[in-house]
Amino acid sequence: MAPPSTAPGRSWQPILGAVLLIAGLIIGVIAVVALTQPSGQKSTTGTRQTGSTDDTAAPTASATTAAPARASVVVLNSTAIAGLASTAAADLTAGGWTVTATDNFDGTSESTAAYYDSADPASKAAASALQAQFPWIVRVLERFAALPPSPIVLVLSAQY
């Protein structure tokens, strides 16, 4: 007795099944990667951003408005954490800002704040730009008398 023959035209079904299975696996892997990294960026929750910028982005319609000038910054440490002002200064410098001094602050600060010089109209916009670039800066406020003269004085808290 001769072995049963396969029906003509059905030899492609196992190959098609294997191709569909592989395609499904590839789509599944892509979906898992897309869901775990939705925008290709790291989450800023609980971390500090280093302030890096992407200079390769194409100009948009809002590019016609001039970006606020980057004012010089004095960084003050209001915590007992040694070297915190220097660490923050390095982050700011890496982000394109000019840090003119680092020191300790004798007072306390509930949260990290950028204080601007109210006599210099551009310093408020620069302080807001600094906060936008570094989300760990919680507040932007007018500079008070106990702070050194500078367009922007950054007072660090333990939350930095």
N, C-alpha and C. Protein backbone atom coordinates (compact mmCIF):
# COMPACT_ATOMS: atom_id res chain seq x y z
N MET A 1 0.84 -1.16 0.00
CA MET A 1 0.00 0.00 0.00
C MET A 1 0.89 1.24 0.00
N ALA A 2 0.55 2.16 -0.78
CA ALA A 2 1.34 3.38 -0.92
C ALA A 2 1.01 4.34 0.22
N PRO A 3 2.03 5.12 0.68
CA PRO A 3 1.75 6.08 1.75
C PRO A 3 0.76 7.13 1.27
N PRO A 4 -0.04 7.63 2.24
CA PRO A 4 -1.02 8.63 1.82
C PRO A 4 -0.31 9.88 1.29
N SER A 5 -0.80 10.38 0.24
CA SER A 5 -0.19 11.57 -0.34
C SER A 5 -0.89 12.82 0.20
N THR A 6 -0.13 13.87 0.29
CA THR A 6 -0.72 15.13 0.77
C THR A 6 -1.47 15.75 -0.39
N ALA A 7 -2.48 16.44 -0.04
CA ALA A 7 -3.30 17.07 -1.07
C ALA A 7 -2.47 18.14 -1.76
N PRO A 8 -2.60 18.28 -3.03
CA PRO A 8 -1.83 19.30 -3.74
C PRO A 8 -2.22 20.69 -3.23
N GLY A 9 -1.21 21.56 -3.10
CA GLY A 9 -1.44 22.93 -2.69
C GLY A 9 -1.41 23.15 -1.18
N ARG A 10 -1.26 22.13 -0.35
CA ARG A 10 -1.27 22.29 1.10
C ARG A 10 0.13 22.29 1.70
N SER A 11 1.16 22.17 0.96
CA SER A 11 2.52 22.13 1.49
C SER A 11 2.98 23.50 1.99
N TRP A 12 2.34 24.55 1.63
CA TRP A 12 2.71 25.90 2.05
C TRP A 12 2.14 26.26 3.41
N GLN A 13 1.16 25.56 3.93
CA GLN A 13 0.51 25.92 5.19
C GLN A 13 1.47 25.89 6.39
N PRO A 14 2.33 24.88 6.55
CA PRO A 14 3.26 24.92 7.69
C PRO A 14 4.24 26.09 7.59
N ILE A 15 4.66 26.42 6.39
CA ILE A 15 5.58 27.55 6.20
C ILE A 15 4.87 28.85 6.55
N LEU A 16 3.64 29.01 6.08
CA LEU A 16 2.86 30.21 6.39
C LEU A 16 2.64 30.33 7.89
N GLY A 17 2.36 29.24 8.55
CA GLY A 17 2.16 29.25 10.00
C GLY A 17 3.41 29.70 10.73
N ALA A 18 4.57 29.22 10.30
CA ALA A 18 5.83 29.61 10.93
C ALA A 18 6.12 31.09 10.70
N VAL A 19 5.87 31.59 9.49
CA VAL A 19 6.10 33.00 9.18
C VAL A 19 5.18 33.88 10.04
N LEU A 20 3.93 33.50 10.16
CA LEU A 20 2.99 34.28 10.98
C LEU A 20 3.39 34.25 12.46
N LEU A 21 3.86 33.13 12.94
CA LEU A 21 4.31 33.03 14.33
C LEU A 21 5.51 33.94 14.58
N ILE A 22 6.47 33.96 13.69
CA ILE A 22 7.66 34.82 13.83
C ILE A 22 7.25 36.29 13.75
N ALA A 23 6.37 36.62 12.81
CA ALA A 23 5.92 38.02 12.70
C ALA A 23 5.20 38.45 13.98
N GLY A 24 4.39 37.58 14.54
CA GLY A 24 3.69 37.90 15.79
C GLY A 24 4.65 38.12 16.94
N LEU A 25 5.71 37.31 17.02
CA LEU A 25 6.71 37.48 18.06
C LEU A 25 7.45 38.81 17.91
N ILE A 26 7.79 39.17 16.70
CA ILE A 26 8.49 40.44 16.45
C ILE A 26 7.60 41.61 16.85
N ILE A 27 6.34 41.58 16.46
CA ILE A 27 5.41 42.65 16.83
C ILE A 27 5.25 42.71 18.35
N GLY A 28 5.19 41.57 19.00
CA GLY A 28 5.08 41.55 20.46
C GLY A 28 6.28 42.18 21.14
N VAL A 29 7.47 41.88 20.66
CA VAL A 29 8.69 42.47 21.23
C VAL A 29 8.69 43.98 21.02
N ILE A 30 8.33 44.42 19.85
CA ILE A 30 8.29 45.87 19.57
C ILE A 30 7.27 46.54 20.48
N ALA A 31 6.12 45.94 20.71
CA ALA A 31 5.10 46.52 21.57
C ALA A 31 5.59 46.62 23.01
N VAL A 32 6.28 45.59 23.50
CA VAL A 32 6.79 45.64 24.86
C VAL A 32 7.83 46.74 25.01
N VAL A 33 8.72 46.88 24.04
CA VAL A 33 9.74 47.94 24.09
C VAL A 33 9.07 49.31 24.04
N ALA A 34 8.09 49.47 23.18
CA ALA A 34 7.40 50.76 23.05
C ALA A 34 6.65 51.12 24.32
N LEU A 35 6.08 50.15 24.99
CA LEU A 35 5.34 50.43 26.22
C LEU A 35 6.25 50.72 27.40
N THR A 36 7.43 50.17 27.41
CA THR A 36 8.33 50.42 28.54
C THR A 36 9.15 51.69 28.34
N GLN A 37 9.30 52.16 27.12
CA GLN A 37 10.02 53.39 26.83
C GLN A 37 9.21 54.18 25.82
N PRO A 38 8.09 54.81 26.26
CA PRO A 38 7.17 55.40 25.30
C PRO A 38 7.73 56.54 24.47
N SER A 39 8.63 57.34 25.01
CA SER A 39 9.14 58.46 24.23
C SER A 39 10.64 58.39 24.03
N GLY A 40 11.25 57.31 24.42
CA GLY A 40 12.69 57.18 24.27
C GLY A 40 13.47 57.98 25.28
N GLN A 41 12.80 58.50 26.31
CA GLN A 41 13.47 59.31 27.32
C GLN A 41 13.33 58.63 28.67
N LYS A 42 14.30 58.88 29.53
CA LYS A 42 14.23 58.37 30.88
C LYS A 42 13.24 59.19 31.68
N SER A 43 12.63 58.56 32.64
CA SER A 43 11.71 59.26 33.52
C SER A 43 12.48 60.20 34.43
N THR A 44 11.90 61.37 34.71
CA THR A 44 12.57 62.31 35.60
C THR A 44 12.08 62.16 37.03
N THR A 45 11.15 61.25 37.28
CA THR A 45 10.64 61.07 38.63
C THR A 45 11.74 60.51 39.52
N GLY A 46 12.09 61.24 40.55
CA GLY A 46 13.08 60.79 41.50
C GLY A 46 14.51 60.91 41.03
N THR A 47 14.74 61.53 39.88
CA THR A 47 16.11 61.67 39.40
C THR A 47 16.36 63.11 39.00
N ARG A 48 17.62 63.43 38.85
CA ARG A 48 18.01 64.75 38.38
C ARG A 48 18.30 64.67 36.91
N GLN A 49 17.91 65.70 36.21
CA GLN A 49 18.31 65.77 34.81
C GLN A 49 19.63 66.51 34.74
N THR A 50 20.42 66.13 33.77
CA THR A 50 21.73 66.77 33.66
C THR A 50 21.67 68.04 32.86
N GLY A 51 20.55 68.33 32.25
CA GLY A 51 20.43 69.58 31.51
C GLY A 51 20.96 69.51 30.10
N SER A 52 21.15 68.32 29.57
CA SER A 52 21.64 68.24 28.20
C SER A 52 20.55 68.69 27.25
N THR A 53 20.95 69.23 26.12
CA THR A 53 20.00 69.70 25.13
C THR A 53 20.28 69.02 23.81
N ASP A 54 19.30 69.01 22.94
CA ASP A 54 19.46 68.41 21.63
C ASP A 54 19.59 69.53 20.61
N ASP A 55 20.79 69.74 20.11
CA ASP A 55 21.04 70.80 19.16
C ASP A 55 20.67 70.42 17.74
N THR A 56 20.25 69.17 17.51
CA THR A 56 19.96 68.71 16.17
C THR A 56 18.49 68.87 15.81
N ALA A 57 17.66 69.36 16.72
CA ALA A 57 16.24 69.48 16.46
C ALA A 57 15.99 70.53 15.38
N ALA A 58 15.04 70.25 14.54
CA ALA A 58 14.69 71.18 13.47
C ALA A 58 13.96 72.38 14.06
N PRO A 59 14.16 73.57 13.50
CA PRO A 59 13.48 74.74 14.02
C PRO A 59 11.97 74.62 13.82
N THR A 60 11.22 75.17 14.75
CA THR A 60 9.77 75.14 14.67
C THR A 60 9.25 76.56 14.49
N ALA A 61 7.95 76.70 14.43
CA ALA A 61 7.35 78.02 14.27
C ALA A 61 7.69 78.91 15.46
N SER A 62 7.85 78.33 16.64
CA SER A 62 8.17 79.14 17.81
C SER A 62 9.64 79.56 17.83
N ALA A 63 10.43 79.10 16.88
CA ALA A 63 11.85 79.46 16.85
C ALA A 63 12.05 80.93 16.49
N THR A 64 10.99 81.59 16.03
CA THR A 64 11.12 83.00 15.70
C THR A 64 11.21 83.87 16.94
N THR A 65 10.72 83.36 18.08
CA THR A 65 10.83 84.10 19.33
C THR A 65 12.21 83.84 19.92
N ALA A 66 12.85 84.88 20.37
CA ALA A 66 14.19 84.73 20.92
C ALA A 66 14.12 84.02 22.28
N ALA A 67 15.01 83.08 22.48
CA ALA A 67 15.09 82.39 23.77
C ALA A 67 15.71 83.34 24.78
N PRO A 68 15.32 83.21 26.06
CA PRO A 68 15.89 84.10 27.06
C PRO A 68 17.40 83.89 27.17
N ALA A 69 18.09 84.98 27.40
CA ALA A 69 19.54 84.90 27.56
C ALA A 69 19.88 84.11 28.81
N ARG A 70 21.01 83.45 28.78
CA ARG A 70 21.47 82.69 29.94
C ARG A 70 22.32 83.60 30.80
N ALA A 71 21.80 83.92 31.97
CA ALA A 71 22.50 84.79 32.90
C ALA A 71 23.47 83.98 33.74
N SER A 72 24.42 84.66 34.35
CA SER A 72 25.36 83.97 35.22
C SER A 72 24.65 83.56 36.51
N VAL A 73 25.16 82.49 37.13
CA VAL A 73 24.50 81.89 38.29
C VAL A 73 25.50 81.73 39.43
N VAL A 74 25.07 82.06 40.64
CA VAL A 74 25.80 81.75 41.87
C VAL A 74 25.03 80.59 42.51
N VAL A 75 25.73 79.53 42.91
CA VAL A 75 25.08 78.35 43.50
C VAL A 75 25.43 78.28 44.98
N LEU A 76 24.39 78.23 45.83
CA LEU A 76 24.58 78.17 47.27
C LEU A 76 23.97 76.88 47.82
N ASN A 77 24.68 76.25 48.74
CA ASN A 77 24.25 75.01 49.37
C ASN A 77 23.65 75.34 50.73
N SER A 78 22.36 75.06 50.92
CA SER A 78 21.72 75.32 52.21
C SER A 78 21.60 74.04 53.05
N THR A 79 22.34 73.00 52.66
CA THR A 79 22.27 71.72 53.38
C THR A 79 23.60 71.42 54.05
N ALA A 80 23.63 70.33 54.78
CA ALA A 80 24.88 69.86 55.39
C ALA A 80 25.62 68.88 54.48
N ILE A 81 25.15 68.72 53.27
CA ILE A 81 25.76 67.78 52.31
C ILE A 81 26.97 68.46 51.67
N ALA A 82 28.15 67.96 51.99
CA ALA A 82 29.38 68.56 51.48
C ALA A 82 29.47 68.41 49.96
N GLY A 83 29.86 69.48 49.28
CA GLY A 83 30.09 69.44 47.85
C GLY A 83 28.84 69.53 46.99
N LEU A 84 27.69 69.76 47.60
CA LEU A 84 26.44 69.80 46.82
C LEU A 84 26.43 70.96 45.82
N ALA A 85 26.94 72.12 46.24
CA ALA A 85 26.97 73.28 45.34
C ALA A 85 27.88 73.00 44.13
N SER A 86 29.00 72.35 44.37
CA SER A 86 29.91 72.02 43.26
C SER A 86 29.28 71.03 42.29
N THR A 87 28.55 70.06 42.82
CA THR A 87 27.87 69.08 41.98
C THR A 87 26.82 69.76 41.11
N ALA A 88 26.02 70.63 41.73
CA ALA A 88 24.99 71.35 40.97
C ALA A 88 25.64 72.27 39.94
N ALA A 89 26.73 72.92 40.33
CA ALA A 89 27.44 73.82 39.40
C ALA A 89 27.92 73.05 38.17
N ALA A 90 28.40 71.84 38.38
CA ALA A 90 28.85 71.01 37.25
C ALA A 90 27.67 70.68 36.33
N ASP A 91 26.50 70.38 36.92
CA ASP A 91 25.31 70.10 36.11
C ASP A 91 24.92 71.33 35.29
N LEU A 92 24.92 72.51 35.93
CA LEU A 92 24.56 73.73 35.23
C LEU A 92 25.54 74.05 34.10
N THR A 93 26.82 73.90 34.39
CA THR A 93 27.85 74.17 33.39
C THR A 93 27.69 73.22 32.20
N ALA A 94 27.44 71.95 32.49
CA ALA A 94 27.23 70.98 31.42
C ALA A 94 26.00 71.33 30.59
N GLY A 95 25.04 72.03 31.20
CA GLY A 95 23.84 72.45 30.50
C GLY A 95 23.99 73.78 29.78
N GLY A 96 25.19 74.36 29.82
CA GLY A 96 25.45 75.58 29.07
C GLY A 96 25.36 76.86 29.87
N TRP A 97 25.22 76.78 31.18
CA TRP A 97 25.13 77.97 32.03
C TRP A 97 26.49 78.33 32.59
N THR A 98 26.69 79.61 32.92
CA THR A 98 27.94 80.08 33.51
C THR A 98 27.75 80.22 35.01
N VAL A 99 28.49 79.43 35.77
CA VAL A 99 28.45 79.52 37.23
C VAL A 99 29.65 80.36 37.66
N THR A 100 29.37 81.47 38.34
CA THR A 100 30.44 82.38 38.74
C THR A 100 30.97 82.11 40.13
N ALA A 101 30.19 81.42 40.98
CA ALA A 101 30.65 81.11 42.34
C ALA A 101 29.80 80.01 42.95
N THR A 102 30.40 79.28 43.88
CA THR A 102 29.67 78.32 44.70
C THR A 102 30.04 78.60 46.15
N ASP A 103 29.09 78.41 47.05
CA ASP A 103 29.35 78.67 48.46
C ASP A 103 28.25 77.99 49.27
N ASN A 104 28.34 78.14 50.58
CA ASN A 104 27.30 77.66 51.48
C ASN A 104 26.37 78.80 51.81
N PHE A 105 25.13 78.47 52.14
CA PHE A 105 24.13 79.45 52.53
C PHE A 105 23.80 79.19 53.99
N ASP A 106 23.84 80.23 54.82
CA ASP A 106 23.62 80.07 56.25
C ASP A 106 22.17 79.78 56.60
N GLY A 107 21.23 80.16 55.78
CA GLY A 107 19.82 79.92 56.07
C GLY A 107 19.40 78.53 55.64
N THR A 108 18.11 78.32 55.64
CA THR A 108 17.56 77.04 55.18
C THR A 108 16.62 77.30 54.01
N SER A 109 16.39 76.29 53.23
CA SER A 109 15.49 76.40 52.10
C SER A 109 14.62 75.15 52.05
N GLU A 110 13.31 75.36 51.98
CA GLU A 110 12.38 74.22 51.91
C GLU A 110 12.56 73.43 50.63
N SER A 111 12.84 74.13 49.55
CA SER A 111 13.03 73.48 48.27
C SER A 111 14.03 74.30 47.46
N THR A 112 14.62 73.68 46.48
CA THR A 112 15.61 74.36 45.64
C THR A 112 14.92 75.48 44.86
N ALA A 113 15.52 76.67 44.93
CA ALA A 113 14.90 77.85 44.30
C ALA A 113 15.94 78.67 43.56
N ALA A 114 15.52 79.24 42.43
CA ALA A 114 16.34 80.18 41.66
C ALA A 114 15.81 81.58 41.96
N TYR A 115 16.68 82.42 42.50
CA TYR A 115 16.32 83.79 42.84
C TYR A 115 16.89 84.71 41.77
N TYR A 116 16.05 85.58 41.23
CA TYR A 116 16.48 86.49 40.16
C TYR A 116 16.60 87.91 40.69
N ASP A 117 17.41 88.71 40.00
CA ASP A 117 17.63 90.11 40.35
C ASP A 117 16.50 90.94 39.72
N SER A 118 15.64 91.52 40.56
CA SER A 118 14.49 92.27 40.04
C SER A 118 14.92 93.54 39.30
N ALA A 119 16.14 94.02 39.53
CA ALA A 119 16.62 95.21 38.83
C ALA A 119 17.01 94.90 37.38
N ASP A 120 17.16 93.62 37.06
CA ASP A 120 17.53 93.19 35.72
C ASP A 120 16.34 92.45 35.10
N PRO A 121 15.59 93.08 34.20
CA PRO A 121 14.39 92.45 33.65
C PRO A 121 14.64 91.10 32.98
N ALA A 122 15.80 90.91 32.41
CA ALA A 122 16.09 89.65 31.71
C ALA A 122 16.38 88.51 32.68
N SER A 123 16.73 88.81 33.91
CA SER A 123 17.12 87.74 34.84
C SER A 123 15.94 86.87 35.25
N LYS A 124 14.73 87.43 35.30
CA LYS A 124 13.55 86.62 35.64
C LYS A 124 13.31 85.58 34.54
N ALA A 125 13.38 86.02 33.29
CA ALA A 125 13.20 85.09 32.17
C ALA A 125 14.30 84.03 32.16
N ALA A 126 15.53 84.45 32.48
CA ALA A 126 16.64 83.49 32.52
C ALA A 126 16.45 82.50 33.65
N ALA A 127 15.97 82.96 34.81
CA ALA A 127 15.73 82.05 35.94
C ALA A 127 14.63 81.05 35.59
N SER A 128 13.61 81.50 34.89
CA SER A 128 12.54 80.59 34.45
C SER A 128 13.06 79.58 33.44
N ALA A 129 13.95 80.02 32.54
CA ALA A 129 14.56 79.10 31.58
C ALA A 129 15.43 78.08 32.29
N LEU A 130 16.14 78.52 33.32
CA LEU A 130 16.96 77.60 34.12
C LEU A 130 16.08 76.54 34.77
N GLN A 131 14.95 76.97 35.34
CA GLN A 131 14.02 76.02 35.97
C GLN A 131 13.44 75.05 34.94
N ALA A 132 13.12 75.56 33.76
CA ALA A 132 12.57 74.69 32.73
C ALA A 132 13.58 73.62 32.30
N GLN A 133 14.85 73.98 32.28
CA GLN A 133 15.89 73.05 31.87
C GLN A 133 16.22 72.05 32.98
N PHE A 134 16.10 72.49 34.23
CA PHE A 134 16.44 71.66 35.37
C PHE A 134 15.23 71.56 36.29
N PRO A 135 14.36 70.57 36.09
CA PRO A 135 13.11 70.47 36.85
C PRO A 135 13.30 70.29 38.36
N TRP A 136 14.50 70.00 38.81
CA TRP A 136 14.72 69.89 40.26
C TRP A 136 14.73 71.26 40.91
N ILE A 137 14.72 72.34 40.12
CA ILE A 137 14.55 73.69 40.65
C ILE A 137 13.04 73.89 40.80
N VAL A 138 12.59 73.96 42.05
CA VAL A 138 11.16 73.96 42.33
C VAL A 138 10.53 75.34 42.19
N ARG A 139 11.25 76.38 42.59
CA ARG A 139 10.66 77.72 42.62
C ARG A 139 11.56 78.74 41.94
N VAL A 140 10.94 79.80 41.40
CA VAL A 140 11.65 80.96 40.87
C VAL A 140 11.08 82.17 41.61
N LEU A 141 11.95 82.86 42.35
CA LEU A 141 11.51 83.97 43.20
C LEU A 141 12.43 85.17 43.04
N GLU A 142 11.93 86.33 43.47
CA GLU A 142 12.75 87.54 43.47
C GLU A 142 13.83 87.42 44.55
N ARG A 143 15.05 87.83 44.20
CA ARG A 143 16.18 87.75 45.14
C ARG A 143 15.93 88.66 46.34
N PHE A 144 16.33 88.19 47.54
CA PHE A 144 16.20 88.99 48.74
C PHE A 144 17.58 89.44 49.21
N ALA A 145 17.61 90.38 50.15
CA ALA A 145 18.84 91.08 50.53
C ALA A 145 19.95 90.18 51.06
N ALA A 146 19.63 89.07 51.69
CA ALA A 146 20.67 88.21 52.27
C ALA A 146 21.45 87.43 51.22
N LEU A 147 21.00 87.44 49.97
CA LEU A 147 21.68 86.70 48.91
C LEU A 147 22.71 87.60 48.23
N PRO A 148 23.77 87.00 47.71
CA PRO A 148 24.80 87.80 47.02
C PRO A 148 24.26 88.39 45.72
N PRO A 149 24.85 89.50 45.27
CA PRO A 149 24.40 90.08 44.00
C PRO A 149 24.80 89.18 42.83
N SER A 150 23.83 88.87 42.01
CA SER A 150 24.04 88.06 40.81
C SER A 150 22.72 88.05 40.05
N PRO A 151 22.77 87.94 38.73
CA PRO A 151 21.50 87.84 38.00
C PRO A 151 20.62 86.69 38.51
N ILE A 152 21.26 85.54 38.81
CA ILE A 152 20.52 84.40 39.37
C ILE A 152 21.33 83.82 40.52
N VAL A 153 20.66 83.58 41.66
CA VAL A 153 21.27 82.88 42.78
C VAL A 153 20.46 81.61 42.99
N LEU A 154 21.11 80.47 42.88
CA LEU A 154 20.44 79.18 43.05
C LEU A 154 20.72 78.67 44.45
N VAL A 155 19.68 78.52 45.27
CA VAL A 155 19.84 78.01 46.64
C VAL A 155 19.34 76.57 46.64
N LEU A 156 20.26 75.66 46.96
CA LEU A 156 19.95 74.23 46.91
C LEU A 156 19.38 73.75 48.24
N SER A 157 18.41 72.87 48.16
CA SER A 157 17.88 72.19 49.34
C SER A 157 18.30 70.73 49.27
N ALA A 158 17.96 69.98 50.29
CA ALA A 158 18.29 68.55 50.32
C ALA A 158 17.55 67.79 49.22
N GLN A 159 16.50 68.36 48.65
CA GLN A 159 15.74 67.71 47.58
C GLN A 159 16.51 67.68 46.27
N TYR A 160 17.56 68.46 46.15
CA TYR A 160 18.35 68.44 44.93
C TYR A 160 18.90 67.05 44.74
